Amino acid sequence: MFANYHLRKVLLIIILLFGLNATAQPVKKEDCDNLIKSGVEALNKNQHTHSLELLMKARNLAKNNDWDTQEFLALNNIGANYYKLLEYGEALNYYLEAYTLAIKKLTPKDEMTVLNNIAILYCEEKKYSQASDYFKRAYAIAKENNEPVKVGLYAMNLGNLAADMGNPQLAQSYFKEALQILPKDSDFMPLVKIGLANGSLQQGKTKEAREAALNLLTTTKDLDFYHIDIDLLTIIAKSYLAENELQKATTYVNTILAKKPNLEVRIELFQLLTEINSKGKHYDLALQYKDSLFDATLKLNEIKNSKLYENSKIKFELQNYKNQSMLNEAKLLNERKAFYAILLFIVLGVLLATWTLWNLSQKHKQKKLIAERNEQILALELEKEKNESLLLEKQFNENKAISLLEQEKLKNEVELKNRKLSAKALYLSGKNQMIEEILSELSTLQQVSKDSKLDAHIQSLKDQLKKDNEWDNFITHFEEMNQGFLDALKSKHTTLTINDIRYISYIYMNLSTKEIASMLNITQESCRKRKERVLSKMGLPKDVNLYDYLTSL
């Protein structure tokens, strides 16, 4: 009777203790949805650290509970955060993870969404071939699932991509398809018509392009949508420039500048003003706009570098958040283990007291219980050592994170110097070209040809321009920024000439064909032919991506 009373008492204590442990509330799907919603709101406010914390927490909850839609949304928006932070590699990893999930468990609509995001990411990196593949896959899925609006939007994206790749005929076919499919009152309809007008301009139909742009300026309701007014005014200005209507072209460019566009648009406008004044032989103004172009480019590079530093700081804070989360999880696990250990000790103590009252003569049982208690003490000591190990691991992770931040900082400095180097090379090349044009104009004047001394000075200036001192300086700075690259290139491809190495260096700096042509003072077509000759000398196929090959060296 006495033993049964104490047994009931022991059971009551165990039930109460387990009842206290079972008060935790289960996580609901609505909680995960709220985390995603808050993460998206923080993303729209550019609060990337907070947004990533919320979205990663939502992703873990969704993954642990097999909530596929919520996991997809979290992954997609994590990718969007890294995209806005210019961390395209991280963004691509999360987009691809979201795409895999969409294929296995979700709908074609989700698959299309992430395919479009991946394509836009490749467009930003100017990897047009990969971008085209993903846009076409999204386009094909939209057609298979009879989604006409999606088909129209993806056709518009393919048209813009074809225009960027210099294929206006293909671009026109996609824009015409989008024009037929999209609703007439769609917000994207003016963008389709802009694409058609731009295609006409690329094909030399300047009057047709200008009339279409002017018509859109008067009929479009929301000109601020995706900066439609700036695109239309740019088309008009370029059409007048192509027709040598320089005053009208200048007027429209100044109209755009008055709207205070972003730096990238201003760079394009300064380039247009440089071309306009060069054609009009206003070389002093052309040089001024060339200087403005150079200043704007430097400022843009500084902003990008500042953005990269901010990104590194966010990554460091995010790493601290992950470390803190790991530490909290370890602490919670230790608290649970300590709770169960205390519970076990209480149970053992009650049992020991009961057994003592029941039979004091059973000493061997008491020794057994003491031995078990010592084992538990040893287990606690082992847990303590484990906690100390976790603390050391945390310190190691913090040091590692600091090291990664320093590496990121050095990388940003190298990238900034490379951008300054390319900007300087572009600037000097453009300036030398303009000086050469001025000297050529002066050489045609009769009073110059009659003055032998002046003619000799002009010829001396021309000879000086042909010298390659700037190339020597460029090579010196290039080797400082990219140590060992030229040695590796020369040792692997011994047949390359100095001009070939100059061209390859510009490719390695990821400059466009237009920029390289400007620096080498040749046409874009000649630049493309030079690329074919260089590929032939290097023993590479014509369709190889030369930039990817060079970075692999």
Protein backbone atom coordinates (compact mmCIF):
# COMPACT_ATOMS: atom_id res chain seq x y z
CA MET A 1 0.00 0.00 0.00
CA PHE A 2 2.80 2.37 0.96
CA ALA A 3 4.84 1.47 -2.19
CA ASN A 4 1.80 1.96 -4.46
CA TYR A 5 1.24 5.43 -3.01
CA HIS A 6 4.80 6.48 -3.82
CA LEU A 7 4.56 4.94 -7.31
CA ARG A 8 1.47 7.04 -8.05
CA LYS A 9 3.34 10.08 -6.77
CA VAL A 10 6.25 9.37 -9.12
CA LEU A 11 3.90 8.97 -12.11
CA LEU A 12 2.17 12.26 -11.27
CA ILE A 13 5.52 14.10 -11.23
CA ILE A 14 6.50 12.60 -14.61
CA ILE A 15 3.17 13.60 -16.18
CA LEU A 16 3.49 17.16 -14.88
CA LEU A 17 7.05 17.51 -16.19
CA PHE A 18 6.18 16.15 -19.62
CA GLY A 19 3.12 18.37 -19.66
CA LEU A 20 5.33 21.42 -19.16
CA ASN A 21 7.54 20.32 -22.04
CA ALA A 22 4.56 19.83 -24.36
CA THR A 23 3.31 23.44 -24.24
CA ALA A 24 5.11 24.43 -27.47
CA GLN A 25 2.66 25.48 -30.19
CA PRO A 26 2.90 23.81 -33.65
CA VAL A 27 4.00 25.96 -36.57
CA LYS A 28 1.21 26.81 -39.05
CA LYS A 29 1.40 27.38 -42.78
CA GLU A 30 0.00 30.89 -42.22
CA ASP A 31 3.08 31.72 -40.13
CA CYS A 32 5.30 30.75 -43.08
CA ASP A 33 3.15 32.85 -45.46
CA ASN A 34 3.48 35.86 -43.15
CA LEU A 35 7.26 35.45 -43.05
CA ILE A 36 7.39 35.42 -46.88
CA LYS A 37 5.10 38.47 -47.09
CA SER A 38 7.27 40.41 -44.61
CA GLY A 39 10.41 39.31 -46.49
CA VAL A 40 9.02 40.61 -49.80
CA GLU A 41 8.05 43.92 -48.18
CA ALA A 42 11.60 44.29 -46.83
CA LEU A 43 12.94 43.42 -50.31
CA ASN A 44 10.86 46.20 -51.90
CA LYS A 45 12.29 48.63 -49.32
CA ASN A 46 15.87 47.42 -50.13
CA GLN A 47 16.25 46.11 -46.56
CA HIS A 48 18.12 43.09 -47.89
CA THR A 49 19.62 41.74 -44.65
CA HIS A 50 16.24 41.68 -42.90
CA SER A 51 14.53 40.30 -46.01
CA LEU A 52 17.03 37.45 -46.36
CA GLU A 53 16.71 36.54 -42.68
CA LEU A 54 12.91 36.31 -42.94
CA LEU A 55 12.93 34.42 -46.24
CA MET A 56 15.57 31.90 -45.13
CA LYS A 57 13.58 31.23 -41.96
CA ALA A 58 10.45 30.74 -44.10
CA ARG A 59 12.35 28.45 -46.47
CA ASN A 60 13.54 26.24 -43.58
CA LEU A 61 10.02 26.02 -42.15
CA ALA A 62 8.56 25.15 -45.55
CA LYS A 63 11.22 22.54 -46.26
CA ASN A 64 10.80 20.86 -42.86
CA ASN A 65 7.01 20.70 -43.32
CA ASP A 66 6.95 19.85 -47.08
CA TRP A 67 5.14 23.10 -48.01
CA ASP A 68 6.30 23.17 -51.63
CA THR A 69 4.61 26.41 -52.73
CA GLN A 70 5.99 28.33 -49.75
CA GLU A 71 9.48 26.90 -50.29
CA PHE A 72 9.34 27.92 -53.97
CA LEU A 73 8.27 31.49 -53.11
CA ALA A 74 10.99 31.79 -50.47
CA LEU A 75 13.71 30.52 -52.87
CA ASN A 76 12.54 32.79 -55.69
CA ASN A 77 12.54 35.89 -53.49
CA ILE A 78 15.93 35.02 -51.95
CA GLY A 79 17.21 34.94 -55.54
CA ALA A 80 15.54 38.32 -56.17
CA ASN A 81 17.41 39.78 -53.17
CA TYR A 82 20.78 38.63 -54.50
CA TYR A 83 19.83 39.88 -57.99
CA LYS A 84 19.21 43.38 -56.63
CA LEU A 85 22.48 43.12 -54.70
CA LEU A 86 24.29 42.35 -58.03
CA GLU A 87 25.30 38.94 -56.62
CA TYR A 88 24.31 37.14 -59.81
CA GLY A 89 26.04 33.87 -58.94
CA GLU A 90 24.12 33.48 -55.66
CA ALA A 91 20.88 34.58 -57.35
CA LEU A 92 21.33 31.93 -60.07
CA ASN A 93 21.88 29.18 -57.46
CA TYR A 94 18.59 29.96 -55.72
CA TYR A 95 16.69 30.38 -59.01
CA LEU A 96 17.94 26.98 -60.19
CA GLU A 97 16.90 25.41 -56.88
CA ALA A 98 13.44 26.98 -57.27
CA TYR A 99 13.29 25.71 -60.87
CA THR A 100 14.10 22.15 -59.79
CA LEU A 101 11.35 22.31 -57.17
CA ALA A 102 8.86 23.71 -59.71
CA ILE A 103 9.59 20.88 -62.18
CA LYS A 104 9.21 18.13 -59.58
CA LYS A 105 6.26 19.33 -57.52
CA LEU A 106 4.63 22.55 -58.80
CA THR A 107 2.75 23.90 -61.82
CA PRO A 108 4.03 25.05 -65.25
CA LYS A 109 3.16 28.61 -64.21
CA ASP A 110 5.80 28.47 -61.47
CA GLU A 111 8.28 26.89 -63.88
CA MET A 112 7.74 29.74 -66.38
CA THR A 113 8.24 32.36 -63.70
CA VAL A 114 11.64 31.11 -62.58
CA LEU A 115 12.79 30.42 -66.18
CA ASN A 116 12.07 34.06 -67.01
CA ASN A 117 14.02 35.21 -63.93
CA ILE A 118 17.02 33.08 -64.91
CA ALA A 119 16.93 34.49 -68.47
CA ILE A 120 16.86 38.09 -67.17
CA LEU A 121 19.85 37.26 -64.95
CA TYR A 122 21.86 36.03 -67.95
CA CYS A 123 20.87 39.18 -69.89
CA GLU A 124 22.39 41.31 -67.11
CA GLU A 125 25.65 39.36 -67.47
CA LYS A 126 25.43 39.76 -71.30
CA LYS A 127 25.35 35.97 -71.74
CA TYR A 128 22.79 36.26 -74.49
CA SER A 129 22.97 32.66 -75.70
CA GLN A 130 21.99 31.24 -72.29
CA ALA A 131 19.36 33.97 -71.84
CA SER A 132 17.81 33.04 -75.20
CA ASP A 133 17.62 29.35 -74.20
CA TYR A 134 15.72 30.09 -70.97
CA PHE A 135 13.39 32.67 -72.56
CA LYS A 136 12.52 30.16 -75.30
CA ARG A 137 11.81 27.43 -72.76
CA ALA A 138 9.44 29.73 -70.86
CA TYR A 139 7.88 30.79 -74.19
CA ALA A 140 7.35 27.13 -75.22
CA ILE A 141 5.77 26.18 -71.87
CA ALA A 142 3.40 29.17 -72.09
CA LYS A 143 2.30 28.01 -75.55
CA GLU A 144 1.83 24.40 -74.41
CA ASN A 145 -0.36 25.52 -71.51
CA ASN A 146 -2.40 28.00 -73.61
CA GLU A 147 -1.34 31.14 -71.66
CA PRO A 148 -1.66 33.87 -74.34
CA VAL A 149 -0.65 36.79 -72.09
CA LYS A 150 2.46 34.93 -70.96
CA VAL A 151 3.26 34.03 -74.58
CA GLY A 152 3.01 37.71 -75.51
CA LEU A 153 5.27 38.84 -72.66
CA TYR A 154 7.90 36.19 -73.38
CA ALA A 155 7.76 37.03 -77.11
CA MET A 156 8.42 40.68 -76.14
CA ASN A 157 11.42 39.58 -74.02
CA LEU A 158 12.77 37.50 -76.92
CA GLY A 159 12.36 40.52 -79.21
CA ASN A 160 14.35 42.75 -76.88
CA LEU A 161 17.04 40.07 -76.60
CA ALA A 162 17.26 39.69 -80.39
CA ALA A 163 17.64 43.48 -80.70
CA ASP A 164 20.49 43.45 -78.16
CA MET A 165 22.15 40.66 -80.16
CA GLY A 166 22.00 42.78 -83.34
CA ASN A 167 19.27 40.80 -85.14
CA PRO A 168 16.50 43.36 -85.87
CA GLN A 169 14.64 41.09 -88.31
CA LEU A 170 14.19 38.36 -85.68
CA ALA A 171 13.31 41.00 -83.09
CA GLN A 172 10.58 42.42 -85.37
CA SER A 173 8.98 38.98 -85.81
CA TYR A 174 8.74 38.48 -82.02
CA PHE A 175 7.37 41.99 -81.41
CA LYS A 176 4.71 41.50 -84.12
CA GLU A 177 3.63 38.25 -82.46
CA ALA A 178 3.38 40.00 -79.07
CA LEU A 179 1.39 42.82 -80.72
CA GLN A 180 -1.21 40.33 -81.96
CA ILE A 181 -1.47 38.31 -78.73
CA LEU A 182 -1.38 40.89 -75.90
CA PRO A 183 -4.64 42.72 -75.04
CA LYS A 184 -4.91 46.15 -76.64
CA ASP A 185 -5.24 47.84 -73.22
CA SER A 186 -2.26 46.00 -71.73
CA ASP A 187 0.31 48.14 -69.90
CA PHE A 188 3.03 46.33 -71.89
CA MET A 189 1.60 47.21 -75.32
CA PRO A 190 3.58 50.52 -75.57
CA LEU A 191 6.79 48.58 -74.80
CA VAL A 192 6.05 46.23 -77.71
CA LYS A 193 5.51 49.20 -80.04
CA ILE A 194 8.75 50.78 -78.81
CA GLY A 195 10.52 47.54 -79.72
CA LEU A 196 9.06 47.72 -83.24
CA ALA A 197 10.12 51.38 -83.62
CA ASN A 198 13.61 50.59 -82.40
CA GLY A 199 13.81 47.71 -84.90
CA SER A 200 12.89 50.08 -87.72
CA LEU A 201 15.65 52.43 -86.56
CA GLN A 202 18.20 49.58 -86.51
CA GLN A 203 17.23 48.70 -90.09
CA GLY A 204 17.75 52.28 -91.26
CA LYS A 205 14.04 53.19 -91.53
CA THR A 206 14.54 56.39 -89.58
CA LYS A 207 11.41 58.24 -90.66
CA GLU A 208 9.17 55.26 -89.91
CA ALA A 209 10.76 54.82 -86.48
CA ARG A 210 10.41 58.53 -85.66
CA GLU A 211 6.74 58.72 -86.70
CA ALA A 212 5.93 55.66 -84.58
CA ALA A 213 7.73 57.18 -81.57
CA LEU A 214 5.99 60.54 -81.96
CA ASN A 215 2.62 58.80 -82.19
CA LEU A 216 3.30 56.84 -79.00
CA LEU A 217 4.33 60.04 -77.20
CA THR A 218 0.90 61.53 -77.83
CA THR A 219 -1.23 58.40 -77.30
CA THR A 220 0.41 56.62 -74.35
CA LYS A 221 -1.36 57.34 -71.05
CA ASP A 222 1.39 56.43 -68.60
CA LEU A 223 4.72 57.63 -70.02
CA ASP A 224 6.47 57.01 -66.71
CA PHE A 225 5.83 53.24 -66.95
CA TYR A 226 9.30 51.70 -67.47
CA HIS A 227 10.51 55.23 -68.56
CA ILE A 228 8.61 55.00 -71.87
CA ASP A 229 9.06 58.75 -72.56
CA ILE A 230 12.86 58.50 -72.36
CA ASP A 231 12.97 55.52 -74.75
CA LEU A 232 10.73 57.30 -77.28
CA LEU A 233 12.68 60.57 -77.15
CA THR A 234 15.94 58.61 -77.60
CA ILE A 235 14.58 56.91 -80.74
CA ILE A 236 13.58 60.30 -82.16
CA ALA A 237 16.99 61.84 -81.39
CA LYS A 238 18.83 58.88 -82.99
CA SER A 239 16.66 59.07 -86.10
CA TYR A 240 17.49 62.76 -86.58
CA LEU A 241 21.18 62.03 -86.00
CA ALA A 242 21.08 59.32 -88.68
CA GLU A 243 19.52 61.88 -91.09
CA ASN A 244 22.14 64.53 -90.15
CA GLU A 245 19.42 66.75 -88.65
CA LEU A 246 21.89 67.65 -85.91
CA GLN A 247 20.04 70.60 -84.36
CA LYS A 248 16.83 68.59 -83.95
CA ALA A 249 18.76 65.65 -82.55
CA THR A 250 20.43 67.97 -80.02
CA THR A 251 17.06 69.41 -78.98
CA TYR A 252 15.60 65.98 -78.19
CA VAL A 253 18.72 64.85 -76.32
CA ASN A 254 18.58 68.00 -74.16
CA THR A 255 14.86 67.30 -73.55
CA ILE A 256 15.79 63.90 -72.13
CA LEU A 257 18.59 65.40 -70.01
CA ALA A 258 16.11 67.87 -68.53
CA LYS A 259 14.15 64.90 -67.14
CA LYS A 260 17.23 64.05 -65.00
CA PRO A 261 17.56 60.37 -66.04
CA ASN A 262 19.82 57.86 -64.29
CA LEU A 263 23.57 57.67 -64.90
CA GLU A 264 23.40 54.88 -67.48
CA VAL A 265 20.96 56.88 -69.64
CA ARG A 266 23.08 60.02 -69.22
CA ILE A 267 26.17 58.13 -70.43
CA GLU A 268 24.31 57.13 -73.60
CA LEU A 269 23.10 60.74 -74.08
CA PHE A 270 26.62 62.18 -73.68
CA GLN A 271 27.81 59.69 -76.28
CA LEU A 272 25.06 60.89 -78.65
CA LEU A 273 25.99 64.54 -78.05
CA THR A 274 29.64 63.70 -78.75
CA GLU A 275 28.68 62.12 -82.08
CA ILE A 276 26.34 65.01 -82.96
CA ASN A 277 28.97 67.69 -82.34
CA SER A 278 31.68 65.66 -84.09
CA LYS A 279 29.48 65.46 -87.18
CA GLY A 280 28.78 69.19 -86.91
CA LYS A 281 32.53 69.86 -86.54
CA HIS A 282 31.98 71.53 -83.15
CA TYR A 283 35.02 69.81 -81.76
CA ASP A 284 35.27 71.89 -78.60
CA LEU A 285 31.72 70.87 -77.58
CA ALA A 286 32.42 67.28 -78.61
CA LEU A 287 35.43 67.18 -76.30
CA GLN A 288 33.38 68.67 -73.46
CA TYR A 289 30.71 65.99 -73.84
CA LYS A 290 33.43 63.36 -74.10
CA ASP A 291 34.74 64.60 -70.73
CA SER A 292 31.18 64.49 -69.31
CA LEU A 293 30.87 60.93 -70.60
CA PHE A 294 34.11 60.00 -68.86
CA ASP A 295 33.04 61.65 -65.57
CA ALA A 296 29.63 59.93 -65.65
CA THR A 297 31.28 56.57 -66.32
CA LEU A 298 33.64 57.04 -63.36
CA LYS A 299 30.74 58.05 -61.12
CA LEU A 300 28.75 54.98 -62.21
CA ASN A 301 31.74 52.76 -61.43
CA GLU A 302 32.08 54.36 -57.99
CA ILE A 303 28.39 53.73 -57.30
CA LYS A 304 28.75 50.11 -58.40
CA ASN A 305 31.81 49.68 -56.21
CA SER A 306 29.94 51.19 -53.27
CA LYS A 307 27.09 48.79 -53.98
CA LEU A 308 29.50 45.84 -54.00
CA TYR A 309 30.95 46.92 -50.66
CA GLU A 310 27.43 47.23 -49.25
CA ASN A 311 26.70 43.73 -50.58
CA SER A 312 29.79 42.38 -48.82
CA LYS A 313 28.66 44.00 -45.60
CA ILE A 314 25.20 42.45 -45.95
CA LYS A 315 26.75 39.05 -46.63
CA PHE A 316 28.87 39.45 -43.49
CA GLU A 317 25.80 40.38 -41.42
CA LEU A 318 23.89 37.47 -42.91
CA GLN A 319 26.73 35.10 -42.01
CA ASN A 320 26.60 36.42 -38.43
CA TYR A 321 22.86 35.78 -38.43
CA LYS A 322 23.45 32.19 -39.59
CA ASN A 323 26.12 31.69 -36.92
CA GLN A 324 23.81 33.11 -34.27
CA SER A 325 21.00 30.82 -35.46
CA MET A 326 23.29 27.81 -35.21
CA LEU A 327 24.33 28.89 -31.72
CA ASN A 328 20.69 29.34 -30.65
CA GLU A 329 19.81 25.90 -32.00
CA ALA A 330 22.72 24.37 -30.12
CA LYS A 331 21.66 26.21 -26.96
CA LEU A 332 18.06 24.99 -27.34
CA LEU A 333 19.29 21.43 -27.86
CA ASN A 334 21.45 21.64 -24.74
CA GLU A 335 18.53 23.04 -22.73
CA ARG A 336 16.37 20.12 -23.83
CA LYS A 337 19.09 17.64 -22.92
CA ALA A 338 19.52 19.34 -19.55
CA PHE A 339 15.74 19.16 -19.02
CA TYR A 340 15.68 15.44 -19.73
CA ALA A 341 18.74 14.93 -17.50
CA ILE A 342 17.04 16.78 -14.63
CA LEU A 343 13.89 14.77 -15.23
CA LEU A 344 15.91 11.57 -15.12
CA PHE A 345 17.61 12.63 -11.90
CA ILE A 346 14.25 13.40 -10.30
CA VAL A 347 12.87 10.04 -11.34
CA LEU A 348 15.96 8.27 -10.05
CA GLY A 349 15.84 10.20 -6.78
CA VAL A 350 12.18 9.34 -6.19
CA LEU A 351 12.79 5.72 -7.07
CA LEU A 352 15.81 5.66 -4.78
CA ALA A 353 13.77 7.11 -1.90
CA THR A 354 10.96 4.63 -2.56
CA TRP A 355 13.30 1.70 -2.69
CA THR A 356 15.04 2.89 0.50
CA LEU A 357 11.70 3.02 2.35
CA TRP A 358 10.63 -0.31 0.85
CA ASN A 359 13.74 -2.26 1.75
CA LEU A 360 16.73 -0.68 3.48
CA SER A 361 18.50 -4.00 3.38
CA GLN A 362 18.88 -4.01 -0.43
CA LYS A 363 22.23 -2.16 -0.43
CA HIS A 364 23.36 -3.60 -3.74
CA LYS A 365 20.46 -1.80 -5.42
CA GLN A 366 21.51 1.46 -3.81
CA LYS A 367 25.08 1.01 -5.14
CA LYS A 368 23.68 0.37 -8.60
CA LEU A 369 21.63 3.58 -8.48
CA ILE A 370 24.70 5.55 -7.29
CA ALA A 371 26.72 4.16 -10.18
CA GLU A 372 24.00 5.21 -12.63
CA ARG A 373 23.96 8.70 -11.13
CA ASN A 374 27.74 8.98 -11.58
CA GLU A 375 27.33 8.03 -15.21
CA GLN A 376 24.81 10.85 -15.64
CA ILE A 377 27.25 13.29 -14.02
CA LEU A 378 29.90 12.13 -16.48
CA ALA A 379 27.43 12.68 -19.33
CA LEU A 380 26.83 16.24 -18.13
CA GLU A 381 30.58 16.87 -18.06
CA LEU A 382 30.82 15.57 -21.61
CA GLU A 383 27.99 17.91 -22.59
CA LYS A 384 29.87 20.78 -21.01
CA GLU A 385 32.97 19.93 -23.06
CA LYS A 386 30.75 19.76 -26.16
CA ASN A 387 29.38 23.24 -25.39
CA GLU A 388 32.91 24.58 -25.09
CA SER A 389 33.70 22.97 -28.46
CA LEU A 390 30.66 24.71 -29.99
CA LEU A 391 31.89 28.04 -28.58
CA LEU A 392 35.31 27.50 -30.17
CA GLU A 393 33.58 26.62 -33.45
CA LYS A 394 31.59 29.86 -33.29
CA GLN A 395 34.81 31.87 -32.81
CA PHE A 396 36.35 30.03 -35.78
CA ASN A 397 33.32 30.86 -37.96
CA GLU A 398 33.49 34.53 -36.95
CA ASN A 399 37.19 34.68 -37.91
CA LYS A 400 36.39 32.94 -41.18
CA ALA A 401 33.62 35.46 -41.93
CA ILE A 402 36.03 38.36 -41.26
CA SER A 403 38.57 36.75 -43.61
CA LEU A 404 35.91 36.40 -46.32
CA LEU A 405 34.99 40.07 -45.92
CA GLU A 406 38.65 41.11 -46.37
CA GLN A 407 38.92 38.92 -49.49
CA GLU A 408 35.72 40.46 -50.87
CA LYS A 409 37.10 43.94 -50.20
CA LEU A 410 40.33 43.17 -52.08
CA LYS A 411 38.34 41.70 -54.96
CA ASN A 412 36.20 44.87 -55.15
CA GLU A 413 39.36 47.03 -55.23
CA VAL A 414 40.79 45.00 -58.13
CA GLU A 415 37.49 45.21 -60.02
CA LEU A 416 37.33 48.99 -59.47
CA LYS A 417 40.88 49.46 -60.79
CA ASN A 418 40.08 47.29 -63.84
CA ARG A 419 36.97 49.43 -64.51
CA LYS A 420 39.01 52.63 -64.13
CA LEU A 421 41.66 51.20 -66.45
CA SER A 422 39.10 50.29 -69.13
CA ALA A 423 37.36 53.67 -68.75
CA LYS A 424 40.69 55.47 -69.12
CA ALA A 425 41.61 53.39 -72.17
CA LEU A 426 38.22 54.14 -73.77
CA TYR A 427 38.60 57.82 -72.99
CA LEU A 428 42.16 58.08 -74.42
CA SER A 429 41.20 56.10 -77.48
CA GLY A 430 38.19 58.30 -78.18
CA LYS A 431 40.19 61.46 -77.58
CA ASN A 432 43.04 60.37 -79.86
CA GLN A 433 40.53 59.47 -82.57
CA MET A 434 38.92 62.88 -82.33
CA ILE A 435 42.32 64.64 -82.48
CA GLU A 436 43.23 62.60 -85.52
CA GLU A 437 39.95 63.63 -87.22
CA ILE A 438 40.72 67.30 -86.47
CA LEU A 439 44.23 66.94 -87.95
CA SER A 440 42.78 65.30 -91.06
CA GLU A 441 40.33 68.18 -91.47
CA LEU A 442 43.17 70.71 -91.06
CA SER A 443 45.32 68.90 -93.65
CA THR A 444 42.68 69.51 -96.32
CA LEU A 445 42.80 73.29 -95.89
CA GLN A 446 44.70 75.15 -98.65
CA GLN A 447 46.36 77.61 -96.31
CA VAL A 448 47.80 74.71 -94.33
CA SER A 449 49.19 72.92 -97.39
CA LYS A 450 50.85 76.18 -98.48
CA ASP A 451 52.51 76.63 -95.07
CA SER A 452 55.20 73.90 -95.06
CA LYS A 453 56.16 74.56 -91.44
CA LEU A 454 52.57 74.19 -90.23
CA ASP A 455 52.13 71.12 -92.41
CA ALA A 456 55.26 69.57 -90.86
CA HIS A 457 53.89 70.20 -87.36
CA ILE A 458 50.61 68.50 -88.27
CA GLN A 459 52.49 65.52 -89.71
CA SER A 460 54.56 65.32 -86.50
CA LEU A 461 51.37 65.21 -84.43
CA LYS A 462 50.02 62.40 -86.62
CA ASP A 463 53.22 60.42 -86.15
CA GLN A 464 53.04 60.97 -82.42
CA LEU A 465 49.45 59.60 -82.38
CA LYS A 466 50.62 56.43 -84.12
CA LYS A 467 53.10 55.65 -81.38
CA ASP A 468 52.07 52.99 -78.93
CA ASN A 469 53.24 54.50 -75.63
CA GLU A 470 49.71 54.33 -74.19
CA TRP A 471 49.66 50.61 -74.95
CA ASP A 472 52.87 50.15 -72.90
CA ASN A 473 51.25 51.99 -69.98
CA PHE A 474 48.08 49.93 -70.45
CA ILE A 475 50.08 46.66 -70.36
CA THR A 476 51.90 47.77 -67.18
CA HIS A 477 48.62 48.54 -65.34
CA PHE A 478 46.91 45.47 -66.81
CA GLU A 479 49.70 43.17 -65.53
CA GLU A 480 49.44 44.77 -62.06
CA MET A 481 45.71 44.02 -61.92
CA ASN A 482 45.79 40.58 -63.59
CA GLN A 483 49.14 39.09 -62.61
CA GLY A 484 50.30 36.15 -64.71
CA PHE A 485 47.49 36.29 -67.30
CA LEU A 486 49.57 37.58 -70.23
CA ASP A 487 52.43 35.16 -69.44
CA ALA A 488 50.01 32.23 -69.43
CA LEU A 489 48.44 33.44 -72.69
CA LYS A 490 51.80 33.89 -74.48
CA SER A 491 53.13 30.53 -73.31
CA LYS A 492 50.03 28.66 -74.50
CA HIS A 493 49.54 30.56 -77.79
CA THR A 494 52.96 31.56 -79.12
CA THR A 495 51.76 32.73 -82.55
CA LEU A 496 49.86 35.74 -81.19
CA THR A 497 51.06 39.21 -82.21
CA ILE A 498 51.09 42.39 -80.12
CA ASN A 499 47.82 43.53 -81.78
CA ASP A 500 46.26 40.14 -81.06
CA ILE A 501 47.25 40.40 -77.39
CA ARG A 502 45.84 43.96 -77.23
CA TYR A 503 42.50 42.70 -78.60
CA ILE A 504 42.46 39.68 -76.24
CA SER A 505 43.18 41.94 -73.24
CA TYR A 506 40.06 44.01 -74.04
CA ILE A 507 38.01 40.81 -74.34
CA TYR A 508 39.37 39.66 -70.95
CA MET A 509 38.18 42.98 -69.45
CA ASN A 510 34.67 42.01 -70.70
CA LEU A 511 34.33 45.01 -73.03
CA SER A 512 31.65 44.93 -75.75
CA THR A 513 32.40 44.72 -79.48
CA LYS A 514 31.38 48.36 -79.87
CA GLU A 515 33.77 49.50 -77.10
CA ILE A 516 36.67 47.47 -78.49
CA ALA A 517 36.07 48.80 -82.00
CA SER A 518 36.14 52.34 -80.61
CA MET A 519 39.43 51.73 -78.79
CA LEU A 520 41.09 50.12 -81.80
CA ASN A 521 39.70 52.78 -84.14
CA ILE A 522 38.05 50.19 -86.43
CA THR A 523 34.49 49.26 -87.37
CA GLN A 524 32.47 46.73 -85.45
CA GLU A 525 32.51 44.42 -88.48
CA SER A 526 36.32 44.58 -88.61
CA CYS A 527 36.35 43.86 -84.89
CA ARG A 528 34.28 40.71 -85.41
CA LYS A 529 36.59 39.57 -88.23
CA ARG A 530 39.60 40.14 -85.97
CA LYS A 531 37.94 37.89 -83.40
CA GLU A 532 37.64 35.13 -86.02
CA ARG A 533 41.32 35.49 -86.94
CA VAL A 534 42.40 35.38 -83.30
CA LEU A 535 40.27 32.28 -82.65
CA SER A 536 41.88 30.63 -85.69
CA LYS A 537 45.40 31.45 -84.45
CA MET A 538 44.56 30.07 -81.01
CA GLY A 539 43.16 26.86 -82.54
CA LEU A 540 39.71 27.43 -81.06
CA PRO A 541 36.33 26.80 -82.80
CA LYS A 542 34.40 29.85 -84.03
CA ASP A 543 31.43 29.30 -81.71
CA VAL A 544 33.50 29.18 -78.51
CA ASN A 545 32.91 31.86 -75.86
CA LEU A 546 36.33 33.59 -75.90
CA TYR A 547 35.71 35.43 -72.59
CA ASP A 548 34.92 32.18 -70.74
CA TYR A 549 38.03 30.55 -72.25
CA LEU A 550 40.29 33.46 -71.21
CA THR A 551 38.97 33.49 -67.63
CA SER A 552 39.73 29.75 -67.41
CA LEU A 553 43.44 30.53 -68.01
